[in-house]
Amino acid sequence: MPQVIAQRVLVVLPAWNEALALPSVLAEVRAALPDVGVLVVNDGSSDTTSAVARSCGVDVLDIPFNVGVGGAMRAGFRFALANGFDVVVQVDADGQHNPQDVPRLVAALEDADVVIGARFADRPGYRVRGPRRWAMRLLAATLSRVAGEPLTDTTSGFKASGPRAVRLFAVHYPAEYLGDTVESLVIAARAGLRVTQVGVEMRQRSAGQPSHRPWKAGVYLMRAFLALLIALTRRRVTVPPIGVSV
């Protein structure tokens, strides 16, 4: 990762039945980011996701049953901490995130602890309309107040976490539904970590079917609001100090 930081970076791809997409996605990650670690967390897939990932020469964690993105990412943070990585970047296994954007997210960690790859910030190409747009704006406005930073895309799964966030999330990353998006940001902000964002472009999946049909978008966002309310009622957590095992 040229001229960004000297810290060790681990790209984590939570993957559930992504055997078709993984070869091209991992090849692109390797080409764009030759100096970073790459970990695929096989989240209880029923296809050949694990075997395909291993054949691509990356590290693989196998979870025997599907636990969702939150549980898969918590395993990724624990792997990072146990293996000396300072930074974790979450990248979707379906090819929607451009690995060329990763250095900009990592560079922004110089002034923050969590950096969101935001689809609506200074970048064209991603548009939502109607009730979904209104709901996402309201959700972003609420979380901006919690974080004390202007955030426009709080449901993005494209995020970079610095050393303090890695230690926090290795213990407290929420495994519940939607915990990997809004709840993780609430936990980070209430623990005193700085959350910010940089603009990225979102792409189409490289293979497979999307997990959310358009008509389900509204249901997804309503659940996001419920997750936000639950997160705000939970007690604050603290970042484990450096040098203390977690």
C-alpha atoms as a PDB file:
ATOM      1  CA  MET A   1       0.000   0.000   0.000  1.00  0.00           C
ATOM      2  CA  PRO A   2       2.188   2.845  -1.266  1.00  0.00           C
ATOM      3  CA  GLN A   3       2.823   6.003   0.746  1.00  0.00           C
ATOM      4  CA  VAL A   4      -0.137   5.514   3.028  1.00  0.00           C
ATOM      5  CA  ILE A   5       0.953   4.139   6.373  1.00  0.00           C
ATOM      6  CA  ALA A   6       3.471   1.641   7.640  1.00  0.00           C
ATOM      7  CA  GLN A   7       0.878  -0.242   9.662  1.00  0.00           C
ATOM      8  CA  ARG A   8      -0.070  -3.815   8.803  1.00  0.00           C
ATOM      9  CA  VAL A   9      -3.391  -3.909   6.976  1.00  0.00           C
ATOM     10  CA  LEU A  10      -5.761  -6.867   6.761  1.00  0.00           C
ATOM     11  CA  VAL A  11      -8.578  -6.934   4.208  1.00  0.00           C
ATOM     12  CA  VAL A  12     -11.432  -9.069   5.565  1.00  0.00           C
ATOM     13  CA  LEU A  13     -14.105 -10.427   3.226  1.00  0.00           C
ATOM     14  CA  PRO A  14     -17.105 -11.995   4.999  1.00  0.00           C
ATOM     15  CA  ALA A  15     -18.470 -14.495   2.483  1.00  0.00           C
ATOM     16  CA  TRP A  16     -21.673 -16.509   2.345  1.00  0.00           C
ATOM     17  CA  ASN A  17     -22.109 -18.615  -0.801  1.00  0.00           C
ATOM     18  CA  GLU A  18     -19.793 -16.412  -2.876  1.00  0.00           C
ATOM     19  CA  ALA A  19     -17.873 -19.149  -4.701  1.00  0.00           C
ATOM     20  CA  LEU A  20     -18.684 -17.679  -8.111  1.00  0.00           C
ATOM     21  CA  ALA A  21     -17.608 -14.130  -7.276  1.00  0.00           C
ATOM     22  CA  LEU A  22     -14.530 -14.797  -5.145  1.00  0.00           C
ATOM     23  CA  PRO A  23     -11.915 -15.662  -7.821  1.00  0.00           C
ATOM     24  CA  SER A  24     -12.261 -12.355  -9.651  1.00  0.00           C
ATOM     25  CA  VAL A  25     -12.737 -10.341  -6.440  1.00  0.00           C
ATOM     26  CA  LEU A  26      -9.641 -11.811  -4.775  1.00  0.00           C
ATOM     27  CA  ALA A  27      -7.584 -11.392  -7.955  1.00  0.00           C
ATOM     28  CA  GLU A  28      -8.556  -7.729  -8.041  1.00  0.00           C
ATOM     29  CA  VAL A  29      -7.707  -7.261  -4.349  1.00  0.00           C
ATOM     30  CA  ARG A  30      -4.321  -8.904  -4.839  1.00  0.00           C
ATOM     31  CA  ALA A  31      -3.550  -6.768  -7.896  1.00  0.00           C
ATOM     32  CA  ALA A  32      -4.565  -3.502  -6.244  1.00  0.00           C
ATOM     33  CA  LEU A  33      -3.181  -4.236  -2.760  1.00  0.00           C
ATOM     34  CA  PRO A  34      -0.172  -6.564  -3.068  1.00  0.00           C
ATOM     35  CA  ASP A  35       1.239  -5.727   0.382  1.00  0.00           C
ATOM     36  CA  VAL A  36      -1.815  -6.335   2.584  1.00  0.00           C
ATOM     37  CA  GLY A  37      -3.068  -9.469   4.289  1.00  0.00           C
ATOM     38  CA  VAL A  38      -6.284 -10.995   2.955  1.00  0.00           C
ATOM     39  CA  LEU A  39      -8.726 -13.080   5.000  1.00  0.00           C
ATOM     40  CA  VAL A  40     -11.944 -14.698   3.776  1.00  0.00           C
ATOM     41  CA  VAL A  41     -14.369 -15.571   6.577  1.00  0.00           C
ATOM     42  CA  ASN A  42     -16.529 -18.364   5.204  1.00  0.00           C
ATOM     43  CA  ASP A  43     -19.831 -17.731   6.982  1.00  0.00           C
ATOM     44  CA  GLY A  44     -21.350 -21.227   6.902  1.00  0.00           C
ATOM     45  CA  SER A  45     -21.606 -21.399   3.122  1.00  0.00           C
ATOM     46  CA  SER A  46     -23.304 -24.367   1.500  1.00  0.00           C
ATOM     47  CA  ASP A  47     -21.309 -23.981  -1.704  1.00  0.00           C
ATOM     48  CA  THR A  48     -17.554 -24.203  -2.342  1.00  0.00           C
ATOM     49  CA  THR A  49     -16.711 -20.737  -0.970  1.00  0.00           C
ATOM     50  CA  SER A  50     -14.066 -22.077   1.430  1.00  0.00           C
ATOM     51  CA  ALA A  51     -12.329 -24.304  -1.136  1.00  0.00           C
ATOM     52  CA  VAL A  52     -12.350 -21.549  -3.756  1.00  0.00           C
ATOM     53  CA  ALA A  53     -10.857 -19.033  -1.324  1.00  0.00           C
ATOM     54  CA  ARG A  54      -8.108 -21.449  -0.298  1.00  0.00           C
ATOM     55  CA  SER A  55      -7.292 -22.158  -3.931  1.00  0.00           C
ATOM     56  CA  CYS A  56      -6.717 -18.412  -4.364  1.00  0.00           C
ATOM     57  CA  GLY A  57      -3.945 -18.504  -1.742  1.00  0.00           C
ATOM     58  CA  VAL A  58      -5.535 -16.335   0.974  1.00  0.00           C
ATOM     59  CA  ASP A  59      -6.158 -17.049   4.653  1.00  0.00           C
ATOM     60  CA  VAL A  60      -9.555 -18.597   5.392  1.00  0.00           C
ATOM     61  CA  LEU A  61     -11.616 -18.912   8.567  1.00  0.00           C
ATOM     62  CA  ASP A  62     -14.464 -21.406   8.415  1.00  0.00           C
ATOM     63  CA  ILE A  63     -17.547 -20.780  10.542  1.00  0.00           C
ATOM     64  CA  PRO A  64     -19.582 -24.024  10.575  1.00  0.00           C
ATOM     65  CA  PHE A  65     -22.972 -22.289  10.325  1.00  0.00           C
ATOM     66  CA  ASN A  66     -24.245 -18.953   9.088  1.00  0.00           C
ATOM     67  CA  VAL A  67     -23.894 -16.246  11.764  1.00  0.00           C
ATOM     68  CA  GLY A  68     -24.263 -13.157   9.612  1.00  0.00           C
ATOM     69  CA  VAL A  69     -21.849 -10.387   8.694  1.00  0.00           C
ATOM     70  CA  GLY A  70     -21.443  -9.165  12.285  1.00  0.00           C
ATOM     71  CA  GLY A  71     -20.323 -12.525  13.617  1.00  0.00           C
ATOM     72  CA  ALA A  72     -18.039 -13.068  10.628  1.00  0.00           C
ATOM     73  CA  MET A  73     -16.412  -9.657  11.092  1.00  0.00           C
ATOM     74  CA  ARG A  74     -15.900 -10.204  14.812  1.00  0.00           C
ATOM     75  CA  ALA A  75     -13.965 -13.357  13.898  1.00  0.00           C
ATOM     76  CA  GLY A  76     -11.985 -11.271  11.415  1.00  0.00           C
ATOM     77  CA  PHE A  77     -11.103  -8.654  14.043  1.00  0.00           C
ATOM     78  CA  ARG A  78      -9.962 -11.376  16.451  1.00  0.00           C
ATOM     79  CA  PHE A  79      -7.816 -12.922  13.705  1.00  0.00           C
ATOM     80  CA  ALA A  80      -6.281  -9.500  13.028  1.00  0.00           C
ATOM     81  CA  LEU A  81      -5.471  -8.895  16.679  1.00  0.00           C
ATOM     82  CA  ALA A  82      -3.994 -12.374  17.146  1.00  0.00           C
ATOM     83  CA  ASN A  83      -1.801 -12.005  14.075  1.00  0.00           C
ATOM     84  CA  GLY A  84      -0.465  -8.497  14.622  1.00  0.00           C
ATOM     85  CA  PHE A  85      -2.498  -6.501  12.131  1.00  0.00           C
ATOM     86  CA  ASP A  86      -3.086  -2.850  13.037  1.00  0.00           C
ATOM     87  CA  VAL A  87      -5.830  -2.043  10.530  1.00  0.00           C
ATOM     88  CA  VAL A  88      -8.847  -4.017   9.266  1.00  0.00           C
ATOM     89  CA  VAL A  89     -10.687  -3.097   6.074  1.00  0.00           C
ATOM     90  CA  GLN A  90     -14.038  -4.778   5.453  1.00  0.00           C
ATOM     91  CA  VAL A  91     -14.634  -5.482   1.758  1.00  0.00           C
ATOM     92  CA  ASP A  92     -17.687  -7.246   0.330  1.00  0.00           C
ATOM     93  CA  ALA A  93     -16.989 -10.601  -1.313  1.00  0.00           C
ATOM     94  CA  ASP A  94     -19.403  -9.880  -4.173  1.00  0.00           C
ATOM     95  CA  GLY A  95     -17.262  -7.269  -5.948  1.00  0.00           C
ATOM     96  CA  GLN A  96     -19.340  -4.180  -5.135  1.00  0.00           C
ATOM     97  CA  HIS A  97     -16.423  -2.486  -3.369  1.00  0.00           C
ATOM     98  CA  ASN A  98     -13.499  -1.264  -5.450  1.00  0.00           C
ATOM     99  CA  PRO A  99     -10.190  -2.232  -3.779  1.00  0.00           C
ATOM    100  CA  GLN A 100      -8.616   0.806  -5.441  1.00  0.00           C
ATOM    101  CA  ASP A 101     -10.484   2.855  -2.809  1.00  0.00           C
ATOM    102  CA  VAL A 102      -8.866   1.037   0.137  1.00  0.00           C
ATOM    103  CA  PRO A 103      -5.715   3.238   0.329  1.00  0.00           C
ATOM    104  CA  ARG A 104      -7.888   6.354   0.677  1.00  0.00           C
ATOM    105  CA  LEU A 105      -9.866   4.791   3.532  1.00  0.00           C
ATOM    106  CA  VAL A 106      -6.653   3.719   5.288  1.00  0.00           C
ATOM    107  CA  ALA A 107      -5.057   7.129   4.766  1.00  0.00           C
ATOM    108  CA  ALA A 108      -8.047   8.761   6.458  1.00  0.00           C
ATOM    109  CA  LEU A 109      -7.324   6.697   9.591  1.00  0.00           C
ATOM    110  CA  GLU A 110      -4.520   9.125  10.341  1.00  0.00           C
ATOM    111  CA  ASP A 111      -7.212  11.413  11.778  1.00  0.00           C
ATOM    112  CA  ALA A 112      -9.892   8.896  12.717  1.00  0.00           C
ATOM    113  CA  ASP A 113     -10.510   5.453  14.187  1.00  0.00           C
ATOM    114  CA  VAL A 114     -13.254   4.257  11.820  1.00  0.00           C
ATOM    115  CA  VAL A 115     -13.608   5.401   8.201  1.00  0.00           C
ATOM    116  CA  ILE A 116     -16.762   4.633   6.205  1.00  0.00           C
ATOM    117  CA  GLY A 117     -16.632   4.251   2.428  1.00  0.00           C
ATOM    118  CA  ALA A 118     -19.670   6.430   1.723  1.00  0.00           C
ATOM    119  CA  ARG A 119     -21.637   6.001  -1.490  1.00  0.00           C
ATOM    120  CA  PHE A 120     -23.151   9.467  -1.395  1.00  0.00           C
ATOM    121  CA  ALA A 121     -20.134  11.616  -0.527  1.00  0.00           C
ATOM    122  CA  ASP A 122     -18.583  13.477  -3.452  1.00  0.00           C
ATOM    123  CA  ARG A 123     -18.996  10.544  -5.828  1.00  0.00           C
ATOM    124  CA  PRO A 124     -21.551  10.060  -8.626  1.00  0.00           C
ATOM    125  CA  GLY A 125     -23.161   6.795  -9.687  1.00  0.00           C
ATOM    126  CA  TYR A 126     -25.185   5.639  -6.661  1.00  0.00           C
ATOM    127  CA  ARG A 127     -28.723   6.889  -6.362  1.00  0.00           C
ATOM    128  CA  VAL A 128     -31.708   5.864  -4.273  1.00  0.00           C
ATOM    129  CA  ARG A 129     -35.124   7.455  -4.406  1.00  0.00           C
ATOM    130  CA  GLY A 130     -38.414   7.658  -2.572  1.00  0.00           C
ATOM    131  CA  PRO A 131     -39.007   6.400   0.968  1.00  0.00           C
ATOM    132  CA  ARG A 132     -35.735   4.522   1.025  1.00  0.00           C
ATOM    133  CA  ARG A 133     -33.804   7.726   0.381  1.00  0.00           C
ATOM    134  CA  TRP A 134     -35.733   9.616   3.054  1.00  0.00           C
ATOM    135  CA  ALA A 135     -35.186   6.836   5.584  1.00  0.00           C
ATOM    136  CA  MET A 136     -31.454   6.625   4.852  1.00  0.00           C
ATOM    137  CA  ARG A 137     -31.103  10.386   5.236  1.00  0.00           C
ATOM    138  CA  LEU A 138     -32.880  10.336   8.581  1.00  0.00           C
ATOM    139  CA  LEU A 139     -30.735   7.456   9.770  1.00  0.00           C
ATOM    140  CA  ALA A 140     -27.566   9.265   8.650  1.00  0.00           C
ATOM    141  CA  ALA A 141     -28.650  12.489  10.367  1.00  0.00           C
ATOM    142  CA  THR A 142     -29.284  10.650  13.634  1.00  0.00           C
ATOM    143  CA  LEU A 143     -25.950   8.848  13.576  1.00  0.00           C
ATOM    144  CA  SER A 144     -24.161  12.062  12.625  1.00  0.00           C
ATOM    145  CA  ARG A 145     -25.352  13.554  15.902  1.00  0.00           C
ATOM    146  CA  VAL A 146     -24.166  10.492  17.829  1.00  0.00           C
ATOM    147  CA  ALA A 147     -20.757  10.524  16.138  1.00  0.00           C
ATOM    148  CA  GLY A 148     -20.352  14.297  16.083  1.00  0.00           C
ATOM    149  CA  GLU A 149     -19.345  14.077  12.419  1.00  0.00           C
ATOM    150  CA  PRO A 150     -21.334  14.568   9.216  1.00  0.00           C
ATOM    151  CA  LEU A 151     -22.099  11.072   7.875  1.00  0.00           C
ATOM    152  CA  THR A 152     -24.166  10.341   4.773  1.00  0.00           C
ATOM    153  CA  ASP A 153     -23.997   6.555   4.375  1.00  0.00           C
ATOM    154  CA  THR A 154     -24.264   4.790   7.709  1.00  0.00           C
ATOM    155  CA  THR A 155     -25.356   1.450   6.220  1.00  0.00           C
ATOM    156  CA  SER A 156     -22.227   1.019   4.091  1.00  0.00           C
ATOM    157  CA  GLY A 157     -20.326  -2.215   4.666  1.00  0.00           C
ATOM    158  CA  PHE A 158     -17.114  -0.742   3.242  1.00  0.00           C
ATOM    159  CA  LYS A 159     -15.162   0.389   6.323  1.00  0.00           C
ATOM    160  CA  ALA A 160     -11.615   0.737   7.630  1.00  0.00           C
ATOM    161  CA  SER A 161     -10.861   0.313  11.342  1.00  0.00           C
ATOM    162  CA  GLY A 162      -7.668   1.570  12.983  1.00  0.00           C
ATOM    163  CA  PRO A 163      -5.761   0.048  15.939  1.00  0.00           C
ATOM    164  CA  ARG A 164      -8.106   1.299  18.666  1.00  0.00           C
ATOM    165  CA  ALA A 165     -11.175   0.162  16.755  1.00  0.00           C
ATOM    166  CA  VAL A 166      -9.645  -3.262  16.050  1.00  0.00           C
ATOM    167  CA  ARG A 167      -9.134  -3.806  19.791  1.00  0.00           C
ATOM    168  CA  LEU A 168     -12.651  -2.606  20.547  1.00  0.00           C
ATOM    169  CA  PHE A 169     -14.362  -4.637  17.825  1.00  0.00           C
ATOM    170  CA  ALA A 170     -12.431  -7.838  18.629  1.00  0.00           C
ATOM    171  CA  VAL A 171     -14.476  -7.896  21.842  1.00  0.00           C
ATOM    172  CA  HIS A 172     -17.593  -5.840  21.218  1.00  0.00           C
ATOM    173  CA  TYR A 173     -18.403  -6.103  17.510  1.00  0.00           C
ATOM    174  CA  PRO A 174     -22.148  -6.758  17.397  1.00  0.00           C
ATOM    175  CA  ALA A 175     -23.203 -10.031  15.807  1.00  0.00           C
ATOM    176  CA  GLU A 176     -26.900  -9.206  15.695  1.00  0.00           C
ATOM    177  CA  TYR A 177     -28.764  -8.458  12.478  1.00  0.00           C
ATOM    178  CA  LEU A 178     -27.542  -5.076  11.131  1.00  0.00           C
ATOM    179  CA  GLY A 179     -25.087  -4.846  14.001  1.00  0.00           C
ATOM    180  CA  ASP A 180     -22.236  -4.553  11.539  1.00  0.00           C
ATOM    181  CA  THR A 181     -23.599  -1.237  10.271  1.00  0.00           C
ATOM    182  CA  VAL A 182     -25.426   1.168  12.572  1.00  0.00           C
ATOM    183  CA  GLU A 183     -24.770  -0.561  15.904  1.00  0.00           C
ATOM    184  CA  SER A 184     -21.026  -0.845  15.352  1.00  0.00           C
ATOM    185  CA  LEU A 185     -20.871   2.882  14.600  1.00  0.00           C
ATOM    186  CA  VAL A 186     -22.808   3.697  17.764  1.00  0.00           C
ATOM    187  CA  ILE A 187     -20.495   1.482  19.856  1.00  0.00           C
ATOM    188  CA  ALA A 188     -17.413   3.153  18.360  1.00  0.00           C
ATOM    189  CA  ALA A 189     -18.698   6.702  18.827  1.00  0.00           C
ATOM    190  CA  ARG A 190     -19.860   6.108  22.405  1.00  0.00           C
ATOM    191  CA  ALA A 191     -16.454   4.561  23.231  1.00  0.00           C
ATOM    192  CA  GLY A 192     -14.837   7.841  22.242  1.00  0.00           C
ATOM    193  CA  LEU A 193     -13.569   6.778  18.814  1.00  0.00           C
ATOM    194  CA  ARG A 194     -13.742   9.194  15.920  1.00  0.00           C
ATOM    195  CA  VAL A 195     -15.900   8.044  13.001  1.00  0.00           C
ATOM    196  CA  THR A 196     -15.619   9.768   9.626  1.00  0.00           C
ATOM    197  CA  GLN A 197     -16.149   8.957   5.945  1.00  0.00           C
ATOM    198  CA  VAL A 198     -14.658   9.269   2.463  1.00  0.00           C
ATOM    199  CA  GLY A 199     -16.538   9.055  -0.838  1.00  0.00           C
ATOM    200  CA  VAL A 200     -16.420   5.821  -2.866  1.00  0.00           C
ATOM    201  CA  GLU A 201     -18.194   4.439  -5.905  1.00  0.00           C
ATOM    202  CA  MET A 202     -20.376   1.359  -5.544  1.00  0.00           C
ATOM    203  CA  ARG A 203     -20.315  -1.253  -8.335  1.00  0.00           C
ATOM    204  CA  GLN A 204     -22.584  -4.070  -9.464  1.00  0.00           C
ATOM    205  CA  ARG A 205     -22.060  -7.554  -8.073  1.00  0.00           C
ATOM    206  CA  SER A 206     -19.526  -9.565 -10.093  1.00  0.00           C
ATOM    207  CA  ALA A 207     -21.626 -12.752  -9.752  1.00  0.00           C
ATOM    208  CA  GLY A 208     -24.575 -14.275  -7.890  1.00  0.00           C
ATOM    209  CA  GLN A 209     -27.808 -12.745  -6.710  1.00  0.00           C
ATOM    210  CA  PRO A 210     -28.227  -9.758  -4.390  1.00  0.00           C
ATOM    211  CA  SER A 211     -29.365 -10.617  -0.891  1.00  0.00           C
ATOM    212  CA  HIS A 212     -31.929  -7.788  -0.833  1.00  0.00           C
ATOM    213  CA  ARG A 213     -34.597  -7.273  -3.481  1.00  0.00           C
ATOM    214  CA  PRO A 214     -35.627  -3.651  -4.060  1.00  0.00           C
ATOM    215  CA  TRP A 215     -39.007  -4.138  -2.401  1.00  0.00           C
ATOM    216  CA  LYS A 216     -37.224  -5.272   0.751  1.00  0.00           C
ATOM    217  CA  ALA A 217     -35.188  -2.081   1.026  1.00  0.00           C
ATOM    218  CA  GLY A 218     -37.815  -0.368   3.144  1.00  0.00           C
ATOM    219  CA  VAL A 219     -38.035  -3.304   5.536  1.00  0.00           C
ATOM    220  CA  TYR A 220     -34.244  -3.319   5.798  1.00  0.00           C
ATOM    221  CA  LEU A 221     -34.115   0.327   6.747  1.00  0.00           C
ATOM    222  CA  MET A 222     -36.907   0.037   9.285  1.00  0.00           C
ATOM    223  CA  ARG A 223     -34.931  -2.736  10.920  1.00  0.00           C
ATOM    224  CA  ALA A 224     -31.912  -0.419  10.818  1.00  0.00           C
ATOM    225  CA  PHE A 225     -33.826   2.140  12.863  1.00  0.00           C
ATOM    226  CA  LEU A 226     -34.787  -0.548  15.368  1.00  0.00           C
ATOM    227  CA  ALA A 227     -31.122  -1.582  15.606  1.00  0.00           C
ATOM    228  CA  LEU A 228     -30.189   2.048  16.200  1.00  0.00           C
ATOM    229  CA  LEU A 229     -32.672   2.397  19.041  1.00  0.00           C
ATOM    230  CA  ILE A 230     -31.421  -0.792  20.676  1.00  0.00           C
ATOM    231  CA  ALA A 231     -27.800   0.332  20.305  1.00  0.00           C
ATOM    232  CA  LEU A 232     -28.509   3.679  21.959  1.00  0.00           C
ATOM    233  CA  THR A 233     -30.023   1.973  25.009  1.00  0.00           C
ATOM    234  CA  ARG A 234     -27.017  -0.260  25.652  1.00  0.00           C
ATOM    235  CA  ARG A 235     -24.284   0.653  28.112  1.00  0.00           C
ATOM    236  CA  ARG A 236     -21.119   2.279  26.859  1.00  0.00           C
ATOM    237  CA  VAL A 237     -18.044   0.122  26.395  1.00  0.00           C
ATOM    238  CA  THR A 238     -14.378   1.086  26.608  1.00  0.00           C
ATOM    239  CA  VAL A 239     -11.426   0.389  24.355  1.00  0.00           C
ATOM    240  CA  PRO A 240      -9.070  -2.216  25.865  1.00  0.00           C
ATOM    241  CA  PRO A 241      -5.684  -0.547  26.467  1.00  0.00           C
ATOM    242  CA  ILE A 242      -2.692  -1.542  24.382  1.00  0.00           C
ATOM    243  CA  GLY A 243      -0.770  -4.391  25.974  1.00  0.00           C
ATOM    244  CA  VAL A 244      -3.816  -6.000  27.572  1.00  0.00           C
ATOM    245  CA  SER A 245      -4.994  -9.294  26.128  1.00  0.00           C
ATOM    246  CA  VAL A 246      -8.575  -9.370  24.852  1.00  0.00           C
END
